[in-house]
Amino acid sequence: MSRKLVDPNIAQIVLALPNAEATARAGALLAPLMRPTDVLALWGDLGAGKTSLARALIQTCLAKTGQVEDVPSPTFTLVQTYETADLPVWHADLYRLKDPDELIELGLDEALETGLLVLEWPDRMGADLPVARLDIELTEQGEGRVAKLTGPARLWEERLGCVLRQWTVSQV
């Protein structure tokens, strides 16, 4: 785990994810920090852990009010929505989109106005991908993975610092 300063306008942390439990823990740590209009863009190859991280985040948001719900990958439905205590969560898997024009049919504009939007395969949005987002890049490293979380400092520096502190405490 580390904090990297790429640019004073960018906040970035890197978390080592040695196993699936660590990936789920990263999602759970992010959940209470989410705000309306946040966009999480999950980047990585097939099997990188995008859905696992999203699932843990959403289940943690739901658990705040005692809700227990299966959180499937939205690969075939494209979008799943969840009403949580703090905000609606939209989980979109854009893998099957062929053209960014298809986004209009998904209604993601509503998520961008009032909820949390969690995107898998965000590159499919093309130029419509919001700039004010948190990118979470999941890559293989040895037997595990690494998550690089990067976003505009004005939106994410404090929150990513909180994640890093909690991550460090639990690793001791």
N, C-alpha and C. Protein backbone atom coordinates (compact mmCIF):
# COMPACT_ATOMS: atom_id res chain seq x y z
N MET A 1 0.84 -1.16 0.00
CA MET A 1 0.00 0.00 0.00
C MET A 1 0.88 1.22 0.00
N SER A 2 0.50 2.19 -0.77
CA SER A 2 1.29 3.41 -0.83
C SER A 2 0.43 4.55 -1.34
N ARG A 3 0.94 5.72 -1.10
CA ARG A 3 0.31 6.94 -1.61
C ARG A 3 1.29 7.53 -2.60
N LYS A 4 0.83 7.77 -3.80
CA LYS A 4 1.70 8.33 -4.82
C LYS A 4 1.18 9.70 -5.22
N LEU A 5 2.09 10.63 -5.33
CA LEU A 5 1.74 11.96 -5.79
C LEU A 5 2.22 12.10 -7.23
N VAL A 6 1.31 11.95 -8.14
CA VAL A 6 1.61 12.07 -9.56
C VAL A 6 1.58 13.54 -9.95
N ASP A 7 0.65 14.26 -9.38
CA ASP A 7 0.36 15.65 -9.74
C ASP A 7 -0.44 16.20 -8.56
N PRO A 8 -0.23 17.44 -8.16
CA PRO A 8 -0.96 17.96 -7.00
C PRO A 8 -2.48 17.99 -7.19
N ASN A 9 -2.93 17.89 -8.43
CA ASN A 9 -4.36 17.89 -8.70
C ASN A 9 -4.96 16.49 -8.72
N ILE A 10 -4.10 15.49 -8.52
CA ILE A 10 -4.54 14.10 -8.60
C ILE A 10 -4.24 13.40 -7.28
N ALA A 11 -5.23 12.68 -6.78
CA ALA A 11 -5.04 11.84 -5.59
C ALA A 11 -4.90 10.41 -6.06
N GLN A 12 -3.95 9.69 -5.46
CA GLN A 12 -3.75 8.30 -5.88
C GLN A 12 -3.21 7.47 -4.72
N ILE A 13 -3.76 6.29 -4.58
CA ILE A 13 -3.20 5.30 -3.66
C ILE A 13 -3.12 3.97 -4.39
N VAL A 14 -2.25 3.10 -3.89
CA VAL A 14 -2.09 1.77 -4.46
C VAL A 14 -2.23 0.77 -3.32
N LEU A 15 -3.10 -0.22 -3.52
CA LEU A 15 -3.34 -1.25 -2.52
C LEU A 15 -2.94 -2.61 -3.07
N ALA A 16 -2.19 -3.37 -2.31
CA ALA A 16 -1.88 -4.75 -2.68
C ALA A 16 -3.07 -5.62 -2.29
N LEU A 17 -3.54 -6.42 -3.22
CA LEU A 17 -4.69 -7.31 -2.98
C LEU A 17 -4.21 -8.75 -3.18
N PRO A 18 -3.71 -9.37 -2.12
CA PRO A 18 -3.15 -10.71 -2.28
C PRO A 18 -4.17 -11.81 -2.57
N ASN A 19 -5.46 -11.53 -2.29
CA ASN A 19 -6.49 -12.56 -2.48
C ASN A 19 -7.87 -11.91 -2.66
N ALA A 20 -8.87 -12.75 -2.89
CA ALA A 20 -10.24 -12.26 -3.11
C ALA A 20 -10.78 -11.53 -1.87
N GLU A 21 -10.39 -11.98 -0.69
CA GLU A 21 -10.85 -11.33 0.53
C GLU A 21 -10.34 -9.89 0.61
N ALA A 22 -9.12 -9.66 0.18
CA ALA A 22 -8.56 -8.31 0.20
C ALA A 22 -9.29 -7.42 -0.81
N THR A 23 -9.65 -7.99 -1.95
CA THR A 23 -10.41 -7.23 -2.95
C THR A 23 -11.76 -6.81 -2.37
N ALA A 24 -12.43 -7.74 -1.71
CA ALA A 24 -13.72 -7.45 -1.09
C ALA A 24 -13.55 -6.40 0.01
N ARG A 25 -12.47 -6.49 0.76
CA ARG A 25 -12.23 -5.52 1.83
C ARG A 25 -12.03 -4.12 1.27
N ALA A 26 -11.35 -4.01 0.16
CA ALA A 26 -11.16 -2.70 -0.48
C ALA A 26 -12.53 -2.10 -0.84
N GLY A 27 -13.41 -2.90 -1.42
CA GLY A 27 -14.75 -2.42 -1.75
C GLY A 27 -15.52 -2.01 -0.51
N ALA A 28 -15.40 -2.78 0.55
CA ALA A 28 -16.11 -2.47 1.80
C ALA A 28 -15.58 -1.18 2.43
N LEU A 29 -14.29 -0.91 2.32
CA LEU A 29 -13.73 0.32 2.88
C LEU A 29 -14.18 1.55 2.09
N LEU A 30 -14.37 1.39 0.80
CA LEU A 30 -14.82 2.51 -0.03
C LEU A 30 -16.29 2.86 0.21
N ALA A 31 -17.10 1.87 0.51
CA ALA A 31 -18.56 2.04 0.58
C ALA A 31 -19.01 3.22 1.43
N PRO A 32 -18.56 3.36 2.67
CA PRO A 32 -19.09 4.46 3.49
C PRO A 32 -18.62 5.84 3.04
N LEU A 33 -17.70 5.89 2.12
CA LEU A 33 -17.16 7.17 1.65
C LEU A 33 -17.85 7.69 0.39
N MET A 34 -18.77 6.92 -0.14
CA MET A 34 -19.43 7.29 -1.39
C MET A 34 -20.47 8.38 -1.16
N ARG A 35 -20.59 9.25 -2.17
CA ARG A 35 -21.52 10.38 -2.12
C ARG A 35 -22.36 10.40 -3.40
N PRO A 36 -23.52 11.05 -3.33
CA PRO A 36 -24.31 11.20 -4.57
C PRO A 36 -23.48 11.87 -5.66
N THR A 37 -23.65 11.40 -6.85
CA THR A 37 -22.97 11.84 -8.09
C THR A 37 -21.56 11.28 -8.25
N ASP A 38 -21.08 10.45 -7.30
CA ASP A 38 -19.77 9.81 -7.47
C ASP A 38 -19.83 8.80 -8.61
N VAL A 39 -18.73 8.68 -9.30
CA VAL A 39 -18.58 7.69 -10.36
C VAL A 39 -17.32 6.90 -10.07
N LEU A 40 -17.47 5.57 -9.99
CA LEU A 40 -16.32 4.68 -9.85
C LEU A 40 -16.15 3.94 -11.16
N ALA A 41 -15.00 4.09 -11.77
CA ALA A 41 -14.71 3.42 -13.04
C ALA A 41 -13.74 2.29 -12.76
N LEU A 42 -14.22 1.05 -12.94
CA LEU A 42 -13.42 -0.13 -12.65
C LEU A 42 -12.76 -0.64 -13.93
N TRP A 43 -11.44 -0.61 -13.94
CA TRP A 43 -10.65 -1.00 -15.10
C TRP A 43 -9.91 -2.29 -14.81
N GLY A 44 -9.81 -3.16 -15.78
CA GLY A 44 -9.05 -4.40 -15.63
C GLY A 44 -9.51 -5.43 -16.62
N ASP A 45 -8.67 -6.43 -16.82
CA ASP A 45 -9.00 -7.51 -17.74
C ASP A 45 -10.13 -8.37 -17.18
N LEU A 46 -10.63 -9.27 -18.01
CA LEU A 46 -11.61 -10.25 -17.53
C LEU A 46 -11.00 -11.00 -16.35
N GLY A 47 -11.77 -11.16 -15.28
CA GLY A 47 -11.29 -11.89 -14.12
C GLY A 47 -10.39 -11.08 -13.20
N ALA A 48 -10.27 -9.78 -13.42
CA ALA A 48 -9.37 -8.95 -12.60
C ALA A 48 -9.93 -8.65 -11.21
N GLY A 49 -11.24 -8.85 -11.02
CA GLY A 49 -11.85 -8.59 -9.72
C GLY A 49 -12.77 -7.38 -9.69
N LYS A 50 -13.12 -6.87 -10.86
CA LYS A 50 -14.01 -5.69 -10.93
C LYS A 50 -15.35 -5.97 -10.26
N THR A 51 -15.98 -7.07 -10.64
CA THR A 51 -17.29 -7.40 -10.08
C THR A 51 -17.17 -7.72 -8.59
N SER A 52 -16.11 -8.38 -8.18
CA SER A 52 -15.93 -8.69 -6.75
C SER A 52 -15.82 -7.43 -5.92
N LEU A 53 -15.07 -6.45 -6.40
CA LEU A 53 -14.94 -5.20 -5.68
C LEU A 53 -16.28 -4.47 -5.65
N ALA A 54 -16.96 -4.40 -6.78
CA ALA A 54 -18.27 -3.75 -6.85
C ALA A 54 -19.27 -4.44 -5.92
N ARG A 55 -19.28 -5.75 -5.93
CA ARG A 55 -20.21 -6.51 -5.08
C ARG A 55 -20.00 -6.18 -3.61
N ALA A 56 -18.75 -6.18 -3.16
CA ALA A 56 -18.47 -5.89 -1.75
C ALA A 56 -18.89 -4.46 -1.39
N LEU A 57 -18.64 -3.52 -2.26
CA LEU A 57 -19.03 -2.13 -2.03
C LEU A 57 -20.55 -2.03 -1.89
N ILE A 58 -21.27 -2.63 -2.83
CA ILE A 58 -22.74 -2.55 -2.83
C ILE A 58 -23.33 -3.28 -1.63
N GLN A 59 -22.81 -4.46 -1.32
CA GLN A 59 -23.32 -5.20 -0.17
C GLN A 59 -23.07 -4.45 1.13
N THR A 60 -21.96 -3.75 1.22
CA THR A 60 -21.68 -2.94 2.42
C THR A 60 -22.66 -1.78 2.51
N CYS A 61 -22.95 -1.14 1.39
CA CYS A 61 -23.95 -0.05 1.39
C CYS A 61 -25.32 -0.58 1.81
N LEU A 62 -25.70 -1.73 1.32
CA LEU A 62 -27.00 -2.32 1.66
C LEU A 62 -27.06 -2.73 3.13
N ALA A 63 -25.96 -3.26 3.65
CA ALA A 63 -25.93 -3.77 5.02
C ALA A 63 -26.16 -2.68 6.06
N LYS A 64 -25.92 -1.45 5.69
CA LYS A 64 -26.10 -0.33 6.63
C LYS A 64 -27.53 -0.29 7.17
N THR A 65 -28.50 -0.75 6.37
CA THR A 65 -29.89 -0.79 6.82
C THR A 65 -30.38 -2.23 7.02
N GLY A 66 -29.43 -3.14 7.14
CA GLY A 66 -29.79 -4.52 7.39
C GLY A 66 -30.22 -5.29 6.15
N GLN A 67 -30.08 -4.70 5.00
CA GLN A 67 -30.46 -5.39 3.76
C GLN A 67 -29.38 -6.39 3.37
N VAL A 68 -29.82 -7.57 2.99
CA VAL A 68 -28.92 -8.57 2.46
C VAL A 68 -29.46 -8.93 1.09
N GLU A 69 -28.65 -8.74 0.10
CA GLU A 69 -29.11 -8.97 -1.26
C GLU A 69 -27.98 -9.55 -2.10
N ASP A 70 -28.35 -10.47 -2.96
CA ASP A 70 -27.37 -10.99 -3.91
C ASP A 70 -27.03 -9.85 -4.87
N VAL A 71 -25.77 -9.71 -5.20
CA VAL A 71 -25.33 -8.66 -6.12
C VAL A 71 -24.67 -9.36 -7.31
N PRO A 72 -25.47 -9.69 -8.30
CA PRO A 72 -24.91 -10.39 -9.46
C PRO A 72 -24.18 -9.43 -10.40
N SER A 73 -23.36 -9.99 -11.24
CA SER A 73 -22.74 -9.18 -12.29
C SER A 73 -23.83 -8.74 -13.25
N PRO A 74 -23.85 -7.47 -13.63
CA PRO A 74 -24.87 -7.01 -14.57
C PRO A 74 -24.47 -7.23 -16.04
N THR A 75 -23.68 -8.24 -16.30
CA THR A 75 -23.21 -8.49 -17.67
C THR A 75 -24.36 -8.62 -18.65
N PHE A 76 -25.42 -9.31 -18.28
CA PHE A 76 -26.53 -9.54 -19.22
C PHE A 76 -27.63 -8.49 -19.09
N THR A 77 -27.85 -8.00 -17.88
CA THR A 77 -28.87 -6.96 -17.70
C THR A 77 -28.32 -5.57 -18.01
N LEU A 78 -27.03 -5.45 -18.06
CA LEU A 78 -26.26 -4.21 -18.28
C LEU A 78 -26.27 -3.28 -17.08
N VAL A 79 -27.41 -3.13 -16.41
CA VAL A 79 -27.49 -2.25 -15.24
C VAL A 79 -28.33 -2.90 -14.15
N GLN A 80 -27.84 -2.85 -12.93
CA GLN A 80 -28.59 -3.26 -11.74
C GLN A 80 -28.65 -2.04 -10.84
N THR A 81 -29.79 -1.80 -10.22
CA THR A 81 -29.90 -0.68 -9.28
C THR A 81 -30.24 -1.19 -7.89
N TYR A 82 -29.76 -0.46 -6.90
CA TYR A 82 -29.96 -0.83 -5.50
C TYR A 82 -30.30 0.43 -4.72
N GLU A 83 -31.32 0.36 -3.89
CA GLU A 83 -31.68 1.47 -3.00
C GLU A 83 -31.01 1.20 -1.66
N THR A 84 -30.07 2.04 -1.31
CA THR A 84 -29.37 1.88 -0.04
C THR A 84 -29.78 3.02 0.89
N ALA A 85 -29.29 2.99 2.11
CA ALA A 85 -29.67 3.99 3.10
C ALA A 85 -29.28 5.40 2.68
N ASP A 86 -28.15 5.54 2.04
CA ASP A 86 -27.63 6.88 1.75
C ASP A 86 -27.88 7.37 0.34
N LEU A 87 -27.92 6.46 -0.62
CA LEU A 87 -28.04 6.88 -2.01
C LEU A 87 -28.35 5.68 -2.89
N PRO A 88 -28.98 5.93 -4.03
CA PRO A 88 -29.18 4.83 -4.97
C PRO A 88 -27.83 4.47 -5.61
N VAL A 89 -27.63 3.18 -5.81
CA VAL A 89 -26.39 2.71 -6.43
C VAL A 89 -26.76 2.06 -7.76
N TRP A 90 -26.08 2.49 -8.80
CA TRP A 90 -26.25 1.94 -10.14
C TRP A 90 -24.98 1.19 -10.49
N HIS A 91 -25.12 -0.08 -10.78
CA HIS A 91 -23.96 -0.92 -11.15
C HIS A 91 -24.14 -1.29 -12.62
N ALA A 92 -23.24 -0.80 -13.46
CA ALA A 92 -23.35 -1.03 -14.90
C ALA A 92 -22.14 -1.79 -15.42
N ASP A 93 -22.40 -2.78 -16.23
CA ASP A 93 -21.35 -3.53 -16.93
C ASP A 93 -21.54 -3.24 -18.41
N LEU A 94 -20.63 -2.47 -18.96
CA LEU A 94 -20.78 -1.99 -20.33
C LEU A 94 -20.05 -2.87 -21.35
N TYR A 95 -19.60 -4.04 -20.92
CA TYR A 95 -18.81 -4.91 -21.79
C TYR A 95 -19.47 -5.18 -23.14
N ARG A 96 -20.78 -5.38 -23.13
CA ARG A 96 -21.49 -5.76 -24.36
C ARG A 96 -21.91 -4.58 -25.23
N LEU A 97 -21.66 -3.35 -24.79
CA LEU A 97 -22.00 -2.20 -25.62
C LEU A 97 -21.06 -2.12 -26.81
N LYS A 98 -21.62 -1.83 -27.94
CA LYS A 98 -20.83 -1.71 -29.16
C LYS A 98 -20.54 -0.26 -29.51
N ASP A 99 -21.42 0.65 -29.05
CA ASP A 99 -21.31 2.05 -29.43
C ASP A 99 -21.76 2.92 -28.25
N PRO A 100 -21.03 3.99 -27.94
CA PRO A 100 -21.45 4.86 -26.83
C PRO A 100 -22.87 5.41 -26.97
N ASP A 101 -23.41 5.46 -28.19
CA ASP A 101 -24.78 5.94 -28.38
C ASP A 101 -25.80 5.05 -27.66
N GLU A 102 -25.44 3.80 -27.39
CA GLU A 102 -26.34 2.88 -26.70
C GLU A 102 -26.54 3.27 -25.23
N LEU A 103 -25.67 4.13 -24.70
CA LEU A 103 -25.75 4.55 -23.30
C LEU A 103 -27.07 5.24 -22.98
N ILE A 104 -27.61 5.96 -23.93
CA ILE A 104 -28.85 6.71 -23.72
C ILE A 104 -29.95 5.79 -23.21
N GLU A 105 -30.01 4.59 -23.76
CA GLU A 105 -31.06 3.63 -23.39
C GLU A 105 -30.90 3.10 -21.97
N LEU A 106 -29.72 3.23 -21.39
CA LEU A 106 -29.49 2.68 -20.06
C LEU A 106 -29.93 3.61 -18.93
N GLY A 107 -30.16 4.88 -19.22
CA GLY A 107 -30.63 5.82 -18.20
C GLY A 107 -29.58 6.20 -17.17
N LEU A 108 -28.32 6.11 -17.53
CA LEU A 108 -27.26 6.40 -16.57
C LEU A 108 -27.21 7.88 -16.18
N ASP A 109 -27.85 8.73 -16.96
CA ASP A 109 -27.89 10.15 -16.62
C ASP A 109 -28.55 10.37 -15.26
N GLU A 110 -29.54 9.54 -14.92
CA GLU A 110 -30.20 9.64 -13.61
C GLU A 110 -29.22 9.31 -12.50
N ALA A 111 -28.42 8.28 -12.71
CA ALA A 111 -27.41 7.92 -11.72
C ALA A 111 -26.41 9.05 -11.53
N LEU A 112 -26.03 9.68 -12.61
CA LEU A 112 -25.06 10.77 -12.53
C LEU A 112 -25.60 11.98 -11.78
N GLU A 113 -26.92 12.11 -11.72
CA GLU A 113 -27.54 13.25 -11.04
C GLU A 113 -27.79 13.00 -9.56
N THR A 114 -28.11 11.75 -9.19
CA THR A 114 -28.57 11.51 -7.82
C THR A 114 -27.89 10.37 -7.08
N GLY A 115 -27.17 9.52 -7.77
CA GLY A 115 -26.68 8.33 -7.10
C GLY A 115 -25.20 8.09 -7.29
N LEU A 116 -24.80 6.91 -6.93
CA LEU A 116 -23.46 6.40 -7.15
C LEU A 116 -23.49 5.53 -8.39
N LEU A 117 -22.59 5.77 -9.31
CA LEU A 117 -22.51 4.98 -10.53
C LEU A 117 -21.22 4.18 -10.49
N VAL A 118 -21.34 2.85 -10.49
CA VAL A 118 -20.19 1.94 -10.50
C VAL A 118 -20.15 1.32 -11.89
N LEU A 119 -19.06 1.58 -12.60
CA LEU A 119 -18.95 1.15 -14.00
C LEU A 119 -17.88 0.09 -14.19
N GLU A 120 -18.27 -1.01 -14.81
CA GLU A 120 -17.29 -1.97 -15.30
C GLU A 120 -17.17 -1.74 -16.80
N TRP A 121 -15.98 -1.83 -17.33
CA TRP A 121 -15.68 -1.55 -18.73
C TRP A 121 -16.05 -0.11 -19.09
N PRO A 122 -15.56 0.85 -18.31
CA PRO A 122 -15.92 2.25 -18.53
C PRO A 122 -15.44 2.81 -19.87
N ASP A 123 -14.46 2.18 -20.48
CA ASP A 123 -13.97 2.65 -21.78
C ASP A 123 -15.07 2.66 -22.83
N ARG A 124 -16.12 1.84 -22.63
CA ARG A 124 -17.22 1.77 -23.59
C ARG A 124 -18.04 3.06 -23.62
N MET A 125 -17.84 3.93 -22.62
CA MET A 125 -18.55 5.21 -22.60
C MET A 125 -17.92 6.22 -23.55
N GLY A 126 -16.72 5.97 -23.98
CA GLY A 126 -16.05 6.90 -24.87
C GLY A 126 -15.94 8.28 -24.23
N ALA A 127 -16.24 9.31 -25.00
CA ALA A 127 -16.15 10.69 -24.54
C ALA A 127 -17.19 11.03 -23.47
N ASP A 128 -18.19 10.17 -23.26
CA ASP A 128 -19.22 10.41 -22.25
C ASP A 128 -18.79 10.01 -20.84
N LEU A 129 -17.62 9.39 -20.70
CA LEU A 129 -17.14 8.99 -19.39
C LEU A 129 -16.83 10.26 -18.58
N PRO A 130 -17.48 10.42 -17.41
CA PRO A 130 -17.26 11.63 -16.62
C PRO A 130 -15.80 11.80 -16.22
N VAL A 131 -15.34 13.02 -16.27
CA VAL A 131 -13.96 13.32 -15.89
C VAL A 131 -13.80 13.27 -14.37
N ALA A 132 -14.80 13.72 -13.65
CA ALA A 132 -14.77 13.76 -12.18
C ALA A 132 -15.16 12.39 -11.64
N ARG A 133 -14.22 11.45 -11.72
CA ARG A 133 -14.50 10.06 -11.32
C ARG A 133 -13.31 9.51 -10.54
N LEU A 134 -13.53 8.39 -9.89
CA LEU A 134 -12.45 7.64 -9.28
C LEU A 134 -12.18 6.44 -10.17
N ASP A 135 -10.98 6.38 -10.72
CA ASP A 135 -10.56 5.22 -11.51
C ASP A 135 -9.95 4.20 -10.57
N ILE A 136 -10.39 2.96 -10.70
CA ILE A 136 -9.81 1.87 -9.93
C ILE A 136 -9.30 0.85 -10.95
N GLU A 137 -7.99 0.81 -11.09
CA GLU A 137 -7.36 -0.09 -12.05
C GLU A 137 -6.86 -1.33 -11.32
N LEU A 138 -7.39 -2.48 -11.71
CA LEU A 138 -7.02 -3.75 -11.10
C LEU A 138 -6.11 -4.52 -12.06
N THR A 139 -4.91 -4.83 -11.59
CA THR A 139 -3.95 -5.57 -12.42
C THR A 139 -3.36 -6.72 -11.63
N GLU A 140 -2.96 -7.76 -12.35
CA GLU A 140 -2.33 -8.91 -11.71
C GLU A 140 -0.92 -8.55 -11.27
N GLN A 141 -0.56 -9.07 -10.11
CA GLN A 141 0.80 -8.94 -9.62
C GLN A 141 1.14 -10.19 -8.83
N GLY A 142 2.01 -11.00 -9.38
CA GLY A 142 2.35 -12.26 -8.72
C GLY A 142 1.12 -13.14 -8.60
N GLU A 143 0.87 -13.61 -7.40
CA GLU A 143 -0.29 -14.47 -7.14
C GLU A 143 -1.56 -13.66 -6.88
N GLY A 144 -1.41 -12.36 -6.67
CA GLY A 144 -2.56 -11.52 -6.34
C GLY A 144 -2.78 -10.43 -7.35
N ARG A 145 -3.28 -9.30 -6.84
CA ARG A 145 -3.58 -8.15 -7.69
C ARG A 145 -3.16 -6.87 -6.98
N VAL A 146 -3.15 -5.83 -7.76
CA VAL A 146 -2.90 -4.49 -7.23
C VAL A 146 -4.06 -3.62 -7.68
N ALA A 147 -4.53 -2.77 -6.78
CA ALA A 147 -5.56 -1.79 -7.13
C ALA A 147 -4.93 -0.41 -7.05
N LYS A 148 -4.98 0.30 -8.16
CA LYS A 148 -4.50 1.69 -8.19
C LYS A 148 -5.75 2.57 -8.28
N LEU A 149 -5.97 3.38 -7.26
CA LEU A 149 -7.13 4.26 -7.18
C LEU A 149 -6.66 5.69 -7.45
N THR A 150 -7.24 6.31 -8.48
CA THR A 150 -6.80 7.63 -8.92
C THR A 150 -8.02 8.50 -9.22
N GLY A 151 -7.99 9.72 -8.71
CA GLY A 151 -9.09 10.64 -8.99
C GLY A 151 -8.68 12.08 -8.74
N PRO A 152 -9.53 13.02 -9.11
CA PRO A 152 -9.24 14.43 -8.87
C PRO A 152 -9.06 14.68 -7.37
N ALA A 153 -7.96 15.34 -7.01
CA ALA A 153 -7.64 15.57 -5.60
C ALA A 153 -8.76 16.30 -4.87
N ARG A 154 -9.41 17.26 -5.52
CA ARG A 154 -10.45 18.03 -4.85
C ARG A 154 -11.61 17.16 -4.40
N LEU A 155 -11.82 16.04 -5.07
CA LEU A 155 -12.91 15.12 -4.72
C LEU A 155 -12.44 13.93 -3.90
N TRP A 156 -11.22 13.47 -4.12
CA TRP A 156 -10.84 12.17 -3.62
C TRP A 156 -9.67 12.14 -2.64
N GLU A 157 -8.89 13.20 -2.51
CA GLU A 157 -7.70 13.14 -1.66
C GLU A 157 -8.02 12.74 -0.22
N GLU A 158 -8.98 13.41 0.37
CA GLU A 158 -9.34 13.11 1.76
C GLU A 158 -9.90 11.69 1.89
N ARG A 159 -10.76 11.31 0.98
CA ARG A 159 -11.39 9.98 1.06
C ARG A 159 -10.37 8.87 0.82
N LEU A 160 -9.47 9.04 -0.14
CA LEU A 160 -8.46 8.01 -0.39
C LEU A 160 -7.48 7.93 0.78
N GLY A 161 -7.20 9.07 1.41
CA GLY A 161 -6.37 9.04 2.62
C GLY A 161 -7.02 8.23 3.72
N CYS A 162 -8.32 8.34 3.84
CA CYS A 162 -9.07 7.57 4.83
C CYS A 162 -8.97 6.06 4.53
N VAL A 163 -9.13 5.70 3.26
CA VAL A 163 -9.01 4.29 2.87
C VAL A 163 -7.62 3.77 3.20
N LEU A 164 -6.60 4.55 2.87
CA LEU A 164 -5.23 4.12 3.10
C LEU A 164 -4.95 3.95 4.59
N ARG A 165 -5.44 4.87 5.42
CA ARG A 165 -5.24 4.74 6.88
C ARG A 165 -5.93 3.48 7.41
N GLN A 166 -7.17 3.24 6.99
CA GLN A 166 -7.88 2.05 7.45
C GLN A 166 -7.21 0.78 6.95
N TRP A 167 -6.73 0.80 5.72
CA TRP A 167 -6.05 -0.35 5.14
C TRP A 167 -4.79 -0.68 5.93
N THR A 168 -4.03 0.37 6.26
CA THR A 168 -2.77 0.21 6.98
C THR A 168 -3.03 -0.35 8.38
N VAL A 169 -4.01 0.18 9.08
CA VAL A 169 -4.34 -0.27 10.43
C VAL A 169 -4.69 -1.75 10.44
N SER A 170 -5.48 -2.18 9.48
CA SER A 170 -5.93 -3.57 9.47
C SER A 170 -4.83 -4.55 9.04
N GLN A 171 -3.78 -4.03 8.41
CA GLN A 171 -2.68 -4.90 7.96
C GLN A 171 -1.68 -5.17 9.09
N VAL A 172 -1.78 -4.40 10.18
CA VAL A 172 -0.82 -4.53 11.29
C VAL A 172 -1.14 -5.76 12.11
